[in-house]
C-alpha atoms as a PDB file:
ATOM      1  CA  MET A   1      -6.713 -11.962  -1.307  1.00  0.00           C
ATOM      2  CA  ASN A   2      -5.165 -10.006   1.572  1.00  0.00           C
ATOM      3  CA  ILE A   3      -2.628  -7.317   0.701  1.00  0.00           C
ATOM      4  CA  LEU A   4      -0.411  -5.512   3.220  1.00  0.00           C
ATOM      5  CA  VAL A   5       1.063  -2.192   2.075  1.00  0.00           C
ATOM      6  CA  LEU A   6       4.127  -1.052   4.010  1.00  0.00           C
ATOM      7  CA  CYS A   7       5.941   2.228   4.376  1.00  0.00           C
ATOM      8  CA  THR A   8       7.998   3.679   7.171  1.00  0.00           C
ATOM      9  CA  GLY A   9       5.526   6.264   8.526  1.00  0.00           C
ATOM     10  CA  ASN A  10       2.215   4.791   7.307  1.00  0.00           C
ATOM     11  CA  SER A  11       0.738   8.238   6.794  1.00  0.00           C
ATOM     12  CA  ALA A  12       0.665   8.836   3.032  1.00  0.00           C
ATOM     13  CA  ARG A  13       1.662   6.361   0.267  1.00  0.00           C
ATOM     14  CA  SER A  14       0.657   3.189   2.100  1.00  0.00           C
ATOM     15  CA  ILE A  15      -2.641   4.768   3.179  1.00  0.00           C
ATOM     16  CA  LEU A  16      -3.364   5.778  -0.428  1.00  0.00           C
ATOM     17  CA  LEU A  17      -2.680   2.311  -1.859  1.00  0.00           C
ATOM     18  CA  GLU A  18      -4.643   0.581   0.903  1.00  0.00           C
ATOM     19  CA  SER A  19      -7.664   2.727   0.072  1.00  0.00           C
ATOM     20  CA  ILE A  20      -7.241   2.268  -3.691  1.00  0.00           C
ATOM     21  CA  PHE A  21      -7.230  -1.525  -3.350  1.00  0.00           C
ATOM     22  CA  ASN A  22     -10.185  -1.527  -0.954  1.00  0.00           C
ATOM     23  CA  THR A  23     -12.190   0.663  -3.325  1.00  0.00           C
ATOM     24  CA  LEU A  24     -11.268  -0.764  -6.746  1.00  0.00           C
ATOM     25  CA  GLY A  25     -10.752  -4.361  -5.696  1.00  0.00           C
ATOM     26  CA  ALA A  26     -13.439  -4.609  -3.025  1.00  0.00           C
ATOM     27  CA  THR A  27     -14.775  -7.936  -4.297  1.00  0.00           C
ATOM     28  CA  ARG A  28     -11.315  -9.497  -4.744  1.00  0.00           C
ATOM     29  CA  THR A  29      -8.932  -7.887  -2.280  1.00  0.00           C
ATOM     30  CA  ARG A  30      -8.784  -6.723   1.310  1.00  0.00           C
ATOM     31  CA  ALA A  31      -5.912  -4.302   1.822  1.00  0.00           C
ATOM     32  CA  TYR A  32      -4.241  -3.147   5.007  1.00  0.00           C
ATOM     33  CA  SER A  33      -1.392  -0.726   5.592  1.00  0.00           C
ATOM     34  CA  ALA A  34       1.237  -0.339   8.269  1.00  0.00           C
ATOM     35  CA  GLY A  35       4.595   1.218   8.989  1.00  0.00           C
ATOM     36  CA  SER A  36       7.904   0.169  10.482  1.00  0.00           C
ATOM     37  CA  ASN A  37       7.997   3.463  12.414  1.00  0.00           C
ATOM     38  CA  PRO A  38       4.444   4.826  12.142  1.00  0.00           C
ATOM     39  CA  THR A  39       3.823   8.521  12.668  1.00  0.00           C
ATOM     40  CA  GLY A  40       0.652   7.736  14.589  1.00  0.00           C
ATOM     41  CA  LYS A  41      -1.488   9.915  12.332  1.00  0.00           C
ATOM     42  CA  VAL A  42      -2.595   9.887   8.729  1.00  0.00           C
ATOM     43  CA  HIS A  43      -1.243  12.843   6.755  1.00  0.00           C
ATOM     44  CA  PRO A  44      -4.095  15.364   6.384  1.00  0.00           C
ATOM     45  CA  GLN A  45      -3.582  15.651   2.615  1.00  0.00           C
ATOM     46  CA  SER A  46      -4.055  11.874   2.271  1.00  0.00           C
ATOM     47  CA  LEU A  47      -7.492  12.248   3.812  1.00  0.00           C
ATOM     48  CA  VAL A  48      -8.348  15.351   1.754  1.00  0.00           C
ATOM     49  CA  LEU A  49      -7.412  13.695  -1.555  1.00  0.00           C
ATOM     50  CA  LEU A  50      -9.051  10.359  -0.786  1.00  0.00           C
ATOM     51  CA  GLY A  51     -12.213  12.163   0.306  1.00  0.00           C
ATOM     52  CA  GLU A  52     -12.275  14.250  -2.893  1.00  0.00           C
ATOM     53  CA  LEU A  53     -11.941  11.053  -4.939  1.00  0.00           C
ATOM     54  CA  GLY A  54     -14.808   9.309  -3.143  1.00  0.00           C
ATOM     55  CA  HIS A  55     -12.858   6.942  -0.914  1.00  0.00           C
ATOM     56  CA  ASP A  56     -14.139   6.031   2.533  1.00  0.00           C
ATOM     57  CA  THR A  57     -11.496   7.223   5.019  1.00  0.00           C
ATOM     58  CA  ASN A  58     -13.342   6.368   8.245  1.00  0.00           C
ATOM     59  CA  GLY A  59     -11.020   3.504   9.203  1.00  0.00           C
ATOM     60  CA  ALA A  60      -7.773   5.116   8.050  1.00  0.00           C
ATOM     61  CA  ARG A  61      -5.120   5.121  10.754  1.00  0.00           C
ATOM     62  CA  SER A  62      -1.347   4.997  11.049  1.00  0.00           C
ATOM     63  CA  LYS A  63      -0.265   1.759  12.716  1.00  0.00           C
ATOM     64  CA  SER A  64       2.725  -0.476  13.307  1.00  0.00           C
ATOM     65  CA  TRP A  65       3.470  -3.457  11.136  1.00  0.00           C
ATOM     66  CA  ASP A  66       3.749  -5.457  14.367  1.00  0.00           C
ATOM     67  CA  GLU A  67      -0.072  -5.709  14.322  1.00  0.00           C
ATOM     68  CA  PHE A  68       0.175  -7.874  11.227  1.00  0.00           C
ATOM     69  CA  ALA A  69       2.877 -10.167  12.594  1.00  0.00           C
ATOM     70  CA  ALA A  70       0.724 -11.201  15.578  1.00  0.00           C
ATOM     71  CA  ALA A  71      -0.728 -14.689  15.789  1.00  0.00           C
ATOM     72  CA  ASP A  72      -4.311 -13.414  15.370  1.00  0.00           C
ATOM     73  CA  ALA A  73      -3.502 -11.156  12.388  1.00  0.00           C
ATOM     74  CA  PRO A  74      -5.076 -11.798   8.993  1.00  0.00           C
ATOM     75  CA  GLU A  75      -2.853 -13.956   6.792  1.00  0.00           C
ATOM     76  CA  MET A  76      -1.369 -11.905   3.965  1.00  0.00           C
ATOM     77  CA  ASP A  77      -1.066 -13.108   0.383  1.00  0.00           C
ATOM     78  CA  ILE A  78       0.939 -10.118  -0.890  1.00  0.00           C
ATOM     79  CA  VAL A  79       3.163  -7.620   0.923  1.00  0.00           C
ATOM     80  CA  ILE A  80       3.990  -4.437  -1.021  1.00  0.00           C
ATOM     81  CA  THR A  81       6.512  -1.862   0.164  1.00  0.00           C
ATOM     82  CA  VAL A  82       6.048   1.623  -1.281  1.00  0.00           C
ATOM     83  CA  CYS A  83       9.094   3.362   0.167  1.00  0.00           C
ATOM     84  CA  ALA A  84      12.731   2.388  -0.175  1.00  0.00           C
ATOM     85  CA  SER A  85      13.481   2.566   3.535  1.00  0.00           C
ATOM     86  CA  ALA A  86      10.729   0.062   4.403  1.00  0.00           C
ATOM     87  CA  ALA A  87      11.830  -2.164   1.510  1.00  0.00           C
ATOM     88  CA  GLY A  88      15.340  -2.316   2.935  1.00  0.00           C
ATOM     89  CA  GLU A  89      14.330  -3.067   6.524  1.00  0.00           C
ATOM     90  CA  THR A  90      14.112  -6.484   8.068  1.00  0.00           C
ATOM     91  CA  CYS A  91      10.403  -7.164   8.220  1.00  0.00           C
ATOM     92  CA  PRO A  92       8.650  -9.244  10.845  1.00  0.00           C
ATOM     93  CA  VAL A  93       7.735 -12.779   9.913  1.00  0.00           C
ATOM     94  CA  TRP A  94       4.282 -12.625   8.383  1.00  0.00           C
ATOM     95  CA  PRO A  95       1.792 -15.447   8.985  1.00  0.00           C
ATOM     96  CA  GLY A  96       1.582 -17.573   5.840  1.00  0.00           C
ATOM     97  CA  ALA A  97       4.058 -17.138   3.017  1.00  0.00           C
ATOM     98  CA  PRO A  98       3.116 -13.892   1.273  1.00  0.00           C
ATOM     99  CA  VAL A  99       4.648 -12.839  -2.007  1.00  0.00           C
ATOM    100  CA  ARG A 100       6.715  -9.680  -1.499  1.00  0.00           C
ATOM    101  CA  THR A 101       7.368  -6.840  -3.900  1.00  0.00           C
ATOM    102  CA  HIS A 102       8.474  -3.223  -3.963  1.00  0.00           C
ATOM    103  CA  TRP A 103       6.468  -0.477  -5.681  1.00  0.00           C
ATOM    104  CA  GLY A 104       8.534   2.597  -4.843  1.00  0.00           C
ATOM    105  CA  VAL A 105       6.874   6.013  -5.080  1.00  0.00           C
ATOM    106  CA  ASP A 106       8.284   9.407  -4.086  1.00  0.00           C
ATOM    107  CA  ASP A 107       7.033  10.539  -0.683  1.00  0.00           C
ATOM    108  CA  PRO A 108       4.371  13.223  -1.201  1.00  0.00           C
ATOM    109  CA  ALA A 109       4.557  14.112   2.493  1.00  0.00           C
ATOM    110  CA  ALA A 110       8.097  15.397   1.877  1.00  0.00           C
ATOM    111  CA  ALA A 111       6.700  18.203  -0.294  1.00  0.00           C
ATOM    112  CA  ASP A 112       6.198  21.666   1.157  1.00  0.00           C
ATOM    113  CA  GLN A 113       2.596  22.447   2.051  1.00  0.00           C
ATOM    114  CA  PRO A 114       1.809  24.627  -0.974  1.00  0.00           C
ATOM    115  CA  ASP A 115       2.818  21.658  -3.176  1.00  0.00           C
ATOM    116  CA  TRP A 116       0.959  18.941  -1.245  1.00  0.00           C
ATOM    117  CA  ASP A 117      -1.971  18.696  -3.620  1.00  0.00           C
ATOM    118  CA  GLN A 118       0.171  18.031  -6.689  1.00  0.00           C
ATOM    119  CA  ALA A 119       2.579  15.716  -4.844  1.00  0.00           C
ATOM    120  CA  PHE A 120      -0.227  13.587  -3.405  1.00  0.00           C
ATOM    121  CA  ARG A 121      -2.103  13.460  -6.724  1.00  0.00           C
ATOM    122  CA  THR A 122       1.062  12.346  -8.520  1.00  0.00           C
ATOM    123  CA  ALA A 123       1.624   9.539  -5.992  1.00  0.00           C
ATOM    124  CA  TYR A 124      -2.042   8.547  -6.148  1.00  0.00           C
ATOM    125  CA  ILE A 125      -2.067   8.355  -9.960  1.00  0.00           C
ATOM    126  CA  THR A 126       0.989   6.072 -10.018  1.00  0.00           C
ATOM    127  CA  LEU A 127      -0.365   3.829  -7.257  1.00  0.00           C
ATOM    128  CA  GLU A 128      -3.781   3.655  -8.900  1.00  0.00           C
ATOM    129  CA  LYS A 129      -2.234   2.594 -12.244  1.00  0.00           C
ATOM    130  CA  ARG A 130      -0.332  -0.177 -10.470  1.00  0.00           C
ATOM    131  CA  ALA A 131      -3.351  -1.354  -8.489  1.00  0.00           C
ATOM    132  CA  LYS A 132      -5.456  -1.460 -11.672  1.00  0.00           C
ATOM    133  CA  ALA A 133      -2.714  -3.434 -13.453  1.00  0.00           C
ATOM    134  CA  LEU A 134      -2.777  -6.040 -10.687  1.00  0.00           C
ATOM    135  CA  LEU A 135      -6.567  -6.130 -10.580  1.00  0.00           C
ATOM    136  CA  ASN A 136      -6.627  -6.765 -14.350  1.00  0.00           C
ATOM    137  CA  LEU A 137      -4.753 -10.034 -13.787  1.00  0.00           C
ATOM    138  CA  PRO A 138      -6.149 -13.385 -12.630  1.00  0.00           C
ATOM    139  CA  PHE A 139      -3.852 -13.125  -9.579  1.00  0.00           C
ATOM    140  CA  GLU A 140      -5.969 -15.511  -7.503  1.00  0.00           C
ATOM    141  CA  THR A 141      -4.939 -18.422  -9.732  1.00  0.00           C
ATOM    142  CA  MET A 142      -1.288 -17.486 -10.353  1.00  0.00           C
ATOM    143  CA  ASP A 143       1.471 -19.516  -8.788  1.00  0.00           C
ATOM    144  CA  PRO A 144       3.818 -17.535  -6.506  1.00  0.00           C
ATOM    145  CA  ALA A 145       6.627 -17.323  -9.082  1.00  0.00           C
ATOM    146  CA  GLU A 146       4.346 -15.943 -11.792  1.00  0.00           C
ATOM    147  CA  LEU A 147       2.699 -13.531  -9.348  1.00  0.00           C
ATOM    148  CA  THR A 148       6.117 -12.305  -8.175  1.00  0.00           C
ATOM    149  CA  GLN A 149       7.169 -11.675 -11.769  1.00  0.00           C
ATOM    150  CA  GLN A 150       3.966  -9.755 -12.546  1.00  0.00           C
ATOM    151  CA  LEU A 151       4.217  -7.696  -9.341  1.00  0.00           C
ATOM    152  CA  LYS A 152       7.772  -6.721 -10.228  1.00  0.00           C
ATOM    153  CA  ARG A 153       6.680  -5.651 -13.717  1.00  0.00           C
ATOM    154  CA  ILE A 154       3.781  -3.649 -12.302  1.00  0.00           C
ATOM    155  CA  GLY A 155       6.119  -1.896  -9.874  1.00  0.00           C
ATOM    156  CA  GLU A 156       7.889  -0.296 -12.818  1.00  0.00           C
ATOM    157  CA  ILE A 157       4.728   1.433 -14.105  1.00  0.00           C
ATOM    158  CA  VAL A 158       4.857   5.226 -13.680  1.00  0.00           C
END
């Protein structure tokens, strides 16, 4: 199942959740991330934290969501927004008919540098709980309505 994680800057939250899905759900999911207005670089604390937690960060990059609206883009099954501004924007038309949901998380990149570690860990913990909740479900066999309902429920986990 292909999952696209969206945020405005694609430097922190979306990068974290992409990596979490690709690590924990490697046999069942392939996650990607993108931004509506990408910063062009992954936040350094995202890379530090993911590295400390054993995630492979070699392919991590900040990119535009336009890449995933192109004709040759992978077809997404689920699109998850992790910031309110991306959730409220008019998204491109994604190939296929992905289920959409919003899993809002405070932006750790908004924290001052001395507080980065705690802010990023807090975001990571919430996103990891949500990813695990989805991975504990038989999402491959759920109909879109049931999957939408479960994704909404999972988005309320803190």
